[in-house]
Amino acid sequence: MSDYWVYILASRRNGTLYVGVTNNLVRRIYEHREGLVAGFTKRYGVKLLVYYERFDTAIAAIQREKNIKHWPREWKLNLIHSLNPDWRDLFEDITR
């Protein structure tokens, strides 16, 4: 059984947000941080891991990602604040 992850990246506190899904959180966040992923995150400097959730199935993770992407920005900010009020970069936490 694999783990699947929904994550939110930010350019800075209350900055530009990106919501994604992956089956390898450490690898995917590393790719974003190093600019290896062409597109939105590279263009806007969205590199800080500010939120993540684990799921048992890809279907559940993809559905959660879609739901969060359709939320108003304020709801996304509230989600981040609820678990990461200081907007710490959580990358170090996931690489331990």
PDB file of N, CA and C in Angstrom:
ATOM      1  N   MET A   1       0.844  -1.181   0.000  1.00  0.00           N
ATOM      2  CA  MET A   1       0.000   0.000   0.000  1.00  0.00           C
ATOM      3  C   MET A   1       0.891   1.247   0.000  1.00  0.00           C
ATOM      4  N   SER A   2       0.544   2.215  -0.814  1.00  0.00           N
ATOM      5  CA  SER A   2       1.311   3.457  -0.908  1.00  0.00           C
ATOM      6  C   SER A   2       0.633   4.559  -0.123  1.00  0.00           C
ATOM      7  N   ASP A   3       1.406   5.585   0.143  1.00  0.00           N
ATOM      8  CA  ASP A   3       0.859   6.812   0.713  1.00  0.00           C
ATOM      9  C   ASP A   3       0.676   7.805  -0.417  1.00  0.00           C
ATOM     10  N   TYR A   4      -0.352   8.612  -0.316  1.00  0.00           N
ATOM     11  CA  TYR A   4      -0.608   9.680  -1.269  1.00  0.00           C
ATOM     12  C   TYR A   4      -0.765  10.960  -0.467  1.00  0.00           C
ATOM     13  N   TRP A   5      -0.326  12.041  -1.046  1.00  0.00           N
ATOM     14  CA  TRP A   5      -0.243  13.298  -0.318  1.00  0.00           C
ATOM     15  C   TRP A   5      -0.876  14.440  -1.093  1.00  0.00           C
ATOM     16  N   VAL A   6      -1.609  15.276  -0.380  1.00  0.00           N
ATOM     17  CA  VAL A   6      -2.060  16.562  -0.888  1.00  0.00           C
ATOM     18  C   VAL A   6      -1.229  17.593  -0.158  1.00  0.00           C
ATOM     19  N   TYR A   7      -0.731  18.571  -0.884  1.00  0.00           N
ATOM     20  CA  TYR A   7       0.143  19.561  -0.259  1.00  0.00           C
ATOM     21  C   TYR A   7      -0.182  20.950  -0.765  1.00  0.00           C
ATOM     22  N   ILE A   8       0.183  21.936   0.047  1.00  0.00           N
ATOM     23  CA  ILE A   8       0.049  23.337  -0.349  1.00  0.00           C
ATOM     24  C   ILE A   8       1.416  23.982  -0.217  1.00  0.00           C
ATOM     25  N   LEU A   9       1.831  24.632  -1.295  1.00  0.00           N
ATOM     26  CA  LEU A   9       3.059  25.418  -1.309  1.00  0.00           C
ATOM     27  C   LEU A   9       2.677  26.894  -1.328  1.00  0.00           C
ATOM     28  N   ALA A  10       3.575  27.719  -0.808  1.00  0.00           N
ATOM     29  CA  ALA A  10       3.364  29.171  -0.814  1.00  0.00           C
ATOM     30  C   ALA A  10       4.653  29.870  -1.225  1.00  0.00           C
ATOM     31  N   SER A  11       4.502  31.046  -1.802  1.00  0.00           N
ATOM     32  CA  SER A  11       5.675  31.850  -2.155  1.00  0.00           C
ATOM     33  C   SER A  11       6.227  32.551  -0.917  1.00  0.00           C
ATOM     34  N   ARG A  12       5.345  32.846   0.020  1.00  0.00           N
ATOM     35  CA  ARG A  12       5.683  33.489   1.295  1.00  0.00           C
ATOM     36  C   ARG A  12       4.420  33.463   2.143  1.00  0.00           C
ATOM     37  N   ARG A  13       4.490  33.959   3.356  1.00  0.00           N
ATOM     38  CA  ARG A  13       3.309  34.027   4.209  1.00  0.00           C
ATOM     39  C   ARG A  13       2.223  34.824   3.497  1.00  0.00           C
ATOM     40  N   ASN A  14       1.034  34.240   3.401  1.00  0.00           N
ATOM     41  CA  ASN A  14      -0.112  34.855   2.726  1.00  0.00           C
ATOM     42  C   ASN A  14       0.162  35.196   1.264  1.00  0.00           C
ATOM     43  N   GLY A  15       1.152  34.542   0.659  1.00  0.00           N
ATOM     44  CA  GLY A  15       1.508  34.812  -0.731  1.00  0.00           C
ATOM     45  C   GLY A  15       0.750  33.923  -1.702  1.00  0.00           C
ATOM     46  N   THR A  16       1.348  33.731  -2.855  1.00  0.00           N
ATOM     47  CA  THR A  16       0.779  32.881  -3.900  1.00  0.00           C
ATOM     48  C   THR A  16       0.755  31.436  -3.419  1.00  0.00           C
ATOM     49  N   LEU A  17      -0.353  30.742  -3.664  1.00  0.00           N
ATOM     50  CA  LEU A  17      -0.529  29.361  -3.213  1.00  0.00           C
ATOM     51  C   LEU A  17      -0.604  28.408  -4.394  1.00  0.00           C
ATOM     52  N   TYR A  18      -0.172  27.173  -4.144  1.00  0.00           N
ATOM     53  CA  TYR A  18      -0.269  26.096  -5.121  1.00  0.00           C
ATOM     54  C   TYR A  18      -0.703  24.841  -4.382  1.00  0.00           C
ATOM     55  N   VAL A  19      -1.697  24.139  -4.901  1.00  0.00           N
ATOM     56  CA  VAL A  19      -2.181  22.889  -4.315  1.00  0.00           C
ATOM     57  C   VAL A  19      -1.829  21.755  -5.272  1.00  0.00           C
ATOM     58  N   GLY A  20      -1.208  20.702  -4.729  1.00  0.00           N
ATOM     59  CA  GLY A  20      -0.820  19.570  -5.563  1.00  0.00           C
ATOM     60  C   GLY A  20      -1.069  18.246  -4.880  1.00  0.00           C
ATOM     61  N   VAL A  21      -0.855  17.167  -5.628  1.00  0.00           N
ATOM     62  CA  VAL A  21      -1.005  15.815  -5.116  1.00  0.00           C
ATOM     63  C   VAL A  21       0.160  14.979  -5.634  1.00  0.00           C
ATOM     64  N   THR A  22       0.631  14.036  -4.821  1.00  0.00           N
ATOM     65  CA  THR A  22       1.770  13.203  -5.208  1.00  0.00           C
ATOM     66  C   THR A  22       1.749  11.903  -4.423  1.00  0.00           C
ATOM     67  N   ASN A  23       2.525  10.934  -4.899  1.00  0.00           N
ATOM     68  CA  ASN A  23       2.708   9.696  -4.130  1.00  0.00           C
ATOM     69  C   ASN A  23       4.093   9.655  -3.483  1.00  0.00           C
ATOM     70  N   ASN A  24       4.872  10.715  -3.658  1.00  0.00           N
ATOM     71  CA  ASN A  24       6.199  10.817  -3.032  1.00  0.00           C
ATOM     72  C   ASN A  24       6.426  12.269  -2.636  1.00  0.00           C
ATOM     73  N   LEU A  25       6.032  12.605  -1.422  1.00  0.00           N
ATOM     74  CA  LEU A  25       6.032  14.002  -0.983  1.00  0.00           C
ATOM     75  C   LEU A  25       7.429  14.608  -0.964  1.00  0.00           C
ATOM     76  N   VAL A  26       8.403  13.905  -0.428  1.00  0.00           N
ATOM     77  CA  VAL A  26       9.761  14.451  -0.329  1.00  0.00           C
ATOM     78  C   VAL A  26      10.315  14.759  -1.721  1.00  0.00           C
ATOM     79  N   ARG A  27      10.203  13.796  -2.635  1.00  0.00           N
ATOM     80  CA  ARG A  27      10.719  14.007  -3.998  1.00  0.00           C
ATOM     81  C   ARG A  27      10.032  15.180  -4.674  1.00  0.00           C
ATOM     82  N   ARG A  28       8.709  15.231  -4.575  1.00  0.00           N
ATOM     83  CA  ARG A  28       7.953  16.265  -5.284  1.00  0.00           C
ATOM     84  C   ARG A  28       8.268  17.661  -4.744  1.00  0.00           C
ATOM     85  N   ILE A  29       8.353  17.801  -3.438  1.00  0.00           N
ATOM     86  CA  ILE A  29       8.654  19.115  -2.863  1.00  0.00           C
ATOM     87  C   ILE A  29      10.079  19.512  -3.228  1.00  0.00           C
ATOM     88  N   TYR A  30      11.002  18.568  -3.212  1.00  0.00           N
ATOM     89  CA  TYR A  30      12.373  18.846  -3.642  1.00  0.00           C
ATOM     90  C   TYR A  30      12.382  19.374  -5.081  1.00  0.00           C
ATOM     91  N   GLU A  31      11.613  18.750  -5.954  1.00  0.00           N
ATOM     92  CA  GLU A  31      11.547  19.196  -7.350  1.00  0.00           C
ATOM     93  C   GLU A  31      11.042  20.637  -7.450  1.00  0.00           C
ATOM     94  N   HIS A  32      10.017  20.954  -6.671  1.00  0.00           N
ATOM     95  CA  HIS A  32       9.505  22.336  -6.671  1.00  0.00           C
ATOM     96  C   HIS A  32      10.566  23.300  -6.145  1.00  0.00           C
ATOM     97  N   ARG A  33      11.196  22.946  -5.040  1.00  0.00           N
ATOM     98  CA  ARG A  33      12.181  23.837  -4.404  1.00  0.00           C
ATOM     99  C   ARG A  33      13.376  24.121  -5.301  1.00  0.00           C
ATOM    100  N   GLU A  34      13.787  23.119  -6.060  1.00  0.00           N
ATOM    101  CA  GLU A  34      14.965  23.260  -6.921  1.00  0.00           C
ATOM    102  C   GLU A  34      14.628  23.801  -8.305  1.00  0.00           C
ATOM    103  N   GLY A  35      13.366  24.089  -8.544  1.00  0.00           N
ATOM    104  CA  GLY A  35      12.964  24.618  -9.838  1.00  0.00           C
ATOM    105  C   GLY A  35      12.980  23.596 -10.949  1.00  0.00           C
ATOM    106  N   LEU A  36      12.874  22.322 -10.611  1.00  0.00           N
ATOM    107  CA  LEU A  36      12.905  21.249 -11.594  1.00  0.00           C
ATOM    108  C   LEU A  36      11.550  21.036 -12.261  1.00  0.00           C
ATOM    109  N   VAL A  37      10.509  21.657 -11.708  1.00  0.00           N
ATOM    110  CA  VAL A  37       9.160  21.526 -12.236  1.00  0.00           C
ATOM    111  C   VAL A  37       8.837  22.792 -13.023  1.00  0.00           C
ATOM    112  N   ALA A  38       8.735  22.656 -14.331  1.00  0.00           N
ATOM    113  CA  ALA A  38       8.380  23.814 -15.156  1.00  0.00           C
ATOM    114  C   ALA A  38       6.924  24.180 -14.902  1.00  0.00           C
ATOM    115  N   GLY A  39       6.620  25.449 -14.993  1.00  0.00           N
ATOM    116  CA  GLY A  39       5.230  25.878 -14.865  1.00  0.00           C
ATOM    117  C   GLY A  39       5.017  26.866 -13.744  1.00  0.00           C
ATOM    118  N   PHE A  40       3.844  26.796 -13.167  1.00  0.00           N
ATOM    119  CA  PHE A  40       3.360  27.783 -12.204  1.00  0.00           C
ATOM    120  C   PHE A  40       4.304  27.997 -11.028  1.00  0.00           C
ATOM    121  N   THR A  41       4.700  26.912 -10.364  1.00  0.00           N
ATOM    122  CA  THR A  41       5.507  27.082  -9.148  1.00  0.00           C
ATOM    123  C   THR A  41       6.870  27.683  -9.445  1.00  0.00           C
ATOM    124  N   LYS A  42       7.459  27.306 -10.542  1.00  0.00           N
ATOM    125  CA  LYS A  42       8.755  27.871 -10.920  1.00  0.00           C
ATOM    126  C   LYS A  42       8.601  29.337 -11.312  1.00  0.00           C
ATOM    127  N   ARG A  43       7.592  29.628 -12.099  1.00  0.00           N
ATOM    128  CA  ARG A  43       7.351  30.993 -12.583  1.00  0.00           C
ATOM    129  C   ARG A  43       7.114  31.974 -11.442  1.00  0.00           C
ATOM    130  N   TYR A  44       6.385  31.541 -10.407  1.00  0.00           N
ATOM    131  CA  TYR A  44       6.010  32.443  -9.316  1.00  0.00           C
ATOM    132  C   TYR A  44       6.796  32.221  -8.021  1.00  0.00           C
ATOM    133  N   GLY A  45       7.816  31.390  -8.050  1.00  0.00           N
ATOM    134  CA  GLY A  45       8.651  31.182  -6.873  1.00  0.00           C
ATOM    135  C   GLY A  45       7.916  30.574  -5.696  1.00  0.00           C
ATOM    136  N   VAL A  46       7.039  29.639  -5.982  1.00  0.00           N
ATOM    137  CA  VAL A  46       6.231  28.998  -4.943  1.00  0.00           C
ATOM    138  C   VAL A  46       6.983  27.758  -4.478  1.00  0.00           C
ATOM    139  N   LYS A  47       7.663  27.867  -3.322  1.00  0.00           N
ATOM    140  CA  LYS A  47       8.578  26.807  -2.887  1.00  0.00           C
ATOM    141  C   LYS A  47       8.395  26.344  -1.447  1.00  0.00           C
ATOM    142  N   LEU A  48       7.665  27.075  -0.647  1.00  0.00           N
ATOM    143  CA  LEU A  48       7.557  26.746   0.774  1.00  0.00           C
ATOM    144  C   LEU A  48       6.428  25.750   1.020  1.00  0.00           C
ATOM    145  N   LEU A  49       6.750  24.617   1.602  1.00  0.00           N
ATOM    146  CA  LEU A  49       5.725  23.636   1.976  1.00  0.00           C
ATOM    147  C   LEU A  49       5.069  24.118   3.265  1.00  0.00           C
ATOM    148  N   VAL A  50       3.796  24.520   3.172  1.00  0.00           N
ATOM    149  CA  VAL A  50       3.117  25.064   4.349  1.00  0.00           C
ATOM    150  C   VAL A  50       2.003  24.164   4.878  1.00  0.00           C
ATOM    151  N   TYR A  51       1.652  23.118   4.118  1.00  0.00           N
ATOM    152  CA  TYR A  51       0.578  22.228   4.551  1.00  0.00           C
ATOM    153  C   TYR A  51       0.667  20.922   3.773  1.00  0.00           C
ATOM    154  N   TYR A  52       0.333  19.811   4.431  1.00  0.00           N
ATOM    155  CA  TYR A  52       0.210  18.529   3.729  1.00  0.00           C
ATOM    156  C   TYR A  52      -0.699  17.594   4.505  1.00  0.00           C
ATOM    157  N   GLU A  53      -1.305  16.660   3.778  1.00  0.00           N
ATOM    158  CA  GLU A  53      -2.173  15.626   4.344  1.00  0.00           C
ATOM    159  C   GLU A  53      -1.846  14.299   3.665  1.00  0.00           C
ATOM    160  N   ARG A  54      -1.927  13.203   4.415  1.00  0.00           N
ATOM    161  CA  ARG A  54      -1.678  11.868   3.875  1.00  0.00           C
ATOM    162  C   ARG A  54      -2.999  11.141   3.641  1.00  0.00           C
ATOM    163  N   PHE A  55      -3.032  10.357   2.558  1.00  0.00           N
ATOM    164  CA  PHE A  55      -4.200   9.549   2.224  1.00  0.00           C
ATOM    165  C   PHE A  55      -3.750   8.133   1.871  1.00  0.00           C
ATOM    166  N   ASP A  56      -4.644   7.180   2.059  1.00  0.00           N
ATOM    167  CA  ASP A  56      -4.342   5.779   1.756  1.00  0.00           C
ATOM    168  C   ASP A  56      -4.531   5.434   0.286  1.00  0.00           C
ATOM    169  N   THR A  57      -5.369   6.203  -0.408  1.00  0.00           N
ATOM    170  CA  THR A  57      -5.644   5.902  -1.806  1.00  0.00           C
ATOM    171  C   THR A  57      -5.443   7.135  -2.682  1.00  0.00           C
ATOM    172  N   ALA A  58      -5.084   6.876  -3.924  1.00  0.00           N
ATOM    173  CA  ALA A  58      -4.915   7.968  -4.889  1.00  0.00           C
ATOM    174  C   ALA A  58      -6.251   8.671  -5.124  1.00  0.00           C
ATOM    175  N   ILE A  59      -7.316   7.902  -5.178  1.00  0.00           N
ATOM    176  CA  ILE A  59      -8.637   8.486  -5.429  1.00  0.00           C
ATOM    177  C   ILE A  59      -8.995   9.496  -4.344  1.00  0.00           C
ATOM    178  N   ALA A  60      -8.759   9.149  -3.088  1.00  0.00           N
ATOM    179  CA  ALA A  60      -9.078  10.055  -1.984  1.00  0.00           C
ATOM    180  C   ALA A  60      -8.218  11.313  -2.045  1.00  0.00           C
ATOM    181  N   ALA A  61      -6.943  11.144  -2.346  1.00  0.00           N
ATOM    182  CA  ALA A  61      -6.037  12.294  -2.411  1.00  0.00           C
ATOM    183  C   ALA A  61      -6.418  13.227  -3.562  1.00  0.00           C
ATOM    184  N   ILE A  62      -6.704  12.663  -4.710  1.00  0.00           N
ATOM    185  CA  ILE A  62      -7.072  13.480  -5.872  1.00  0.00           C
ATOM    186  C   ILE A  62      -8.377  14.224  -5.614  1.00  0.00           C
ATOM    187  N   GLN A  63      -9.331  13.560  -4.976  1.00  0.00           N
ATOM    188  CA  GLN A  63     -10.595  14.236  -4.663  1.00  0.00           C
ATOM    189  C   GLN A  63     -10.377  15.387  -3.688  1.00  0.00           C
ATOM    190  N   ARG A  64      -9.544  15.170  -2.672  1.00  0.00           N
ATOM    191  CA  ARG A  64      -9.253  16.232  -1.707  1.00  0.00           C
ATOM    192  C   ARG A  64      -8.551  17.402  -2.397  1.00  0.00           C
ATOM    193  N   GLU A  65      -7.588  17.106  -3.285  1.00  0.00           N
ATOM    194  CA  GLU A  65      -6.904  18.164  -4.032  1.00  0.00           C
ATOM    195  C   GLU A  65      -7.916  18.983  -4.836  1.00  0.00           C
ATOM    196  N   LYS A  66      -8.809  18.317  -5.540  1.00  0.00           N
ATOM    197  CA  LYS A  66      -9.817  19.018  -6.340  1.00  0.00           C
ATOM    198  C   LYS A  66     -10.701  19.890  -5.451  1.00  0.00           C
ATOM    199  N   ASN A  67     -11.100  19.349  -4.298  1.00  0.00           N
ATOM    200  CA  ASN A  67     -11.943  20.121  -3.385  1.00  0.00           C
ATOM    201  C   ASN A  67     -11.226  21.380  -2.922  1.00  0.00           C
ATOM    202  N   ILE A  68      -9.985  21.225  -2.466  1.00  0.00           N
ATOM    203  CA  ILE A  68      -9.231  22.378  -1.964  1.00  0.00           C
ATOM    204  C   ILE A  68      -9.026  23.405  -3.080  1.00  0.00           C
ATOM    205  N   LYS A  69      -8.709  22.953  -4.278  1.00  0.00           N
ATOM    206  CA  LYS A  69      -8.493  23.884  -5.395  1.00  0.00           C
ATOM    207  C   LYS A  69      -9.737  24.720  -5.683  1.00  0.00           C
ATOM    208  N   HIS A  70     -10.913  24.179  -5.416  1.00  0.00           N
ATOM    209  CA  HIS A  70     -12.150  24.916  -5.676  1.00  0.00           C
ATOM    210  C   HIS A  70     -12.589  25.800  -4.508  1.00  0.00           C
ATOM    211  N   TRP A  71     -11.916  25.679  -3.376  1.00  0.00           N
ATOM    212  CA  TRP A  71     -12.251  26.516  -2.222  1.00  0.00           C
ATOM    213  C   TRP A  71     -11.858  27.961  -2.483  1.00  0.00           C
ATOM    214  N   PRO A  72     -12.560  28.898  -1.841  1.00  0.00           N
ATOM    215  CA  PRO A  72     -12.101  30.287  -1.870  1.00  0.00           C
ATOM    216  C   PRO A  72     -10.721  30.399  -1.186  1.00  0.00           C
ATOM    217  N   ARG A  73      -9.963  31.384  -1.568  1.00  0.00           N
ATOM    218  CA  ARG A  73      -8.620  31.596  -1.001  1.00  0.00           C
ATOM    219  C   ARG A  73      -8.659  31.662   0.524  1.00  0.00           C
ATOM    220  N   GLU A  74      -9.657  32.336   1.074  1.00  0.00           N
ATOM    221  CA  GLU A  74      -9.752  32.487   2.536  1.00  0.00           C
ATOM    222  C   GLU A  74      -9.827  31.126   3.233  1.00  0.00           C
ATOM    223  N   TRP A  75     -10.531  30.169   2.649  1.00  0.00           N
ATOM    224  CA  TRP A  75     -10.624  28.833   3.242  1.00  0.00           C
ATOM    225  C   TRP A  75      -9.269  28.144   3.225  1.00  0.00           C
ATOM    226  N   LYS A  76      -8.524  28.312   2.132  1.00  0.00           N
ATOM    227  CA  LYS A  76      -7.191  27.719   2.045  1.00  0.00           C
ATOM    228  C   LYS A  76      -6.282  28.328   3.111  1.00  0.00           C
ATOM    229  N   LEU A  77      -6.350  29.642   3.266  1.00  0.00           N
ATOM    230  CA  LEU A  77      -5.537  30.310   4.294  1.00  0.00           C
ATOM    231  C   LEU A  77      -5.905  29.802   5.683  1.00  0.00           C
ATOM    232  N   ASN A  78      -7.194  29.631   5.936  1.00  0.00           N
ATOM    233  CA  ASN A  78      -7.641  29.116   7.239  1.00  0.00           C
ATOM    234  C   ASN A  78      -7.141  27.693   7.473  1.00  0.00           C
ATOM    235  N   LEU A  79      -7.125  26.873   6.424  1.00  0.00           N
ATOM    236  CA  LEU A  79      -6.614  25.505   6.537  1.00  0.00           C
ATOM    237  C   LEU A  79      -5.133  25.534   6.928  1.00  0.00           C
ATOM    238  N   ILE A  80      -4.353  26.357   6.265  1.00  0.00           N
ATOM    239  CA  ILE A  80      -2.926  26.485   6.593  1.00  0.00           C
ATOM    240  C   ILE A  80      -2.756  26.980   8.018  1.00  0.00           C
ATOM    241  N   HIS A  81      -3.476  28.044   8.371  1.00  0.00           N
ATOM    242  CA  HIS A  81      -3.368  28.613   9.724  1.00  0.00           C
ATOM    243  C   HIS A  81      -3.750  27.617  10.811  1.00  0.00           C
ATOM    244  N   SER A  82      -4.700  26.713  10.513  1.00  0.00           N
ATOM    245  CA  SER A  82      -5.161  25.766  11.537  1.00  0.00           C
ATOM    246  C   SER A  82      -4.068  24.787  11.943  1.00  0.00           C
ATOM    247  N   LEU A  83      -3.165  24.432  11.027  1.00  0.00           N
ATOM    248  CA  LEU A  83      -2.119  23.460  11.342  1.00  0.00           C
ATOM    249  C   LEU A  83      -0.711  24.039  11.313  1.00  0.00           C
ATOM    250  N   ASN A  84      -0.552  25.214  10.739  1.00  0.00           N
ATOM    251  CA  ASN A  84       0.775  25.819  10.611  1.00  0.00           C
ATOM    252  C   ASN A  84       0.634  27.345  10.757  1.00  0.00           C
ATOM    253  N   PRO A  85       0.242  27.807  11.950  1.00  0.00           N
ATOM    254  CA  PRO A  85      -0.045  29.239  12.128  1.00  0.00           C
ATOM    255  C   PRO A  85       1.153  30.153  11.883  1.00  0.00           C
ATOM    256  N   ASP A  86       2.357  29.641  12.014  1.00  0.00           N
ATOM    257  CA  ASP A  86       3.551  30.456  11.786  1.00  0.00           C
ATOM    258  C   ASP A  86       4.049  30.383  10.344  1.00  0.00           C
ATOM    259  N   TRP A  87       3.370  29.630   9.513  1.00  0.00           N
ATOM    260  CA  TRP A  87       3.747  29.453   8.105  1.00  0.00           C
ATOM    261  C   TRP A  87       5.186  28.968   7.977  1.00  0.00           C
ATOM    262  N   ARG A  88       5.570  28.032   8.865  1.00  0.00           N
ATOM    263  CA  ARG A  88       6.911  27.438   8.774  1.00  0.00           C
ATOM    264  C   ARG A  88       7.014  26.634   7.485  1.00  0.00           C
ATOM    265  N   ASP A  89       8.213  26.572   6.933  1.00  0.00           N
ATOM    266  CA  ASP A  89       8.474  25.676   5.803  1.00  0.00           C
ATOM    267  C   ASP A  89       8.605  24.277   6.390  1.00  0.00           C
ATOM    268  N   LEU A  90       7.702  23.388   6.046  1.00  0.00           N
ATOM    269  CA  LEU A  90       7.627  22.058   6.637  1.00  0.00           C
ATOM    270  C   LEU A  90       8.526  21.030   5.940  1.00  0.00           C
ATOM    271  N   PHE A  91       9.316  21.461   4.968  1.00  0.00           N
ATOM    272  CA  PHE A  91      10.148  20.531   4.224  1.00  0.00           C
ATOM    273  C   PHE A  91      11.101  19.777   5.139  1.00  0.00           C
ATOM    274  N   GLU A  92      11.730  20.475   6.065  1.00  0.00           N
ATOM    275  CA  GLU A  92      12.654  19.807   6.999  1.00  0.00           C
ATOM    276  C   GLU A  92      11.938  18.752   7.835  1.00  0.00           C
ATOM    277  N   ASP A  93      10.679  18.993   8.185  1.00  0.00           N
ATOM    278  CA  ASP A  93       9.914  18.028   8.970  1.00  0.00           C
ATOM    279  C   ASP A  93       9.726  16.713   8.224  1.00  0.00           C
ATOM    280  N   ILE A  94       9.528  16.786   6.919  1.00  0.00           N
ATOM    281  CA  ILE A  94       9.248  15.559   6.145  1.00  0.00           C
ATOM    282  C   ILE A  94      10.510  14.835   5.719  1.00  0.00           C
ATOM    283  N   THR A  95      11.677  15.459   5.887  1.00  0.00           N
ATOM    284  CA  THR A  95      12.927  14.812   5.480  1.00  0.00           C
ATOM    285  C   THR A  95      13.683  14.200   6.647  1.00  0.00           C
ATOM    286  N   ARG A  96      13.115  14.257   7.822  1.00  0.00           N
ATOM    287  CA  ARG A  96      13.755  13.658   9.015  1.00  0.00           C
ATOM    288  C   ARG A  96      13.533  12.176   9.084  1.00  0.00           C
TER     289      ARG A  96
END
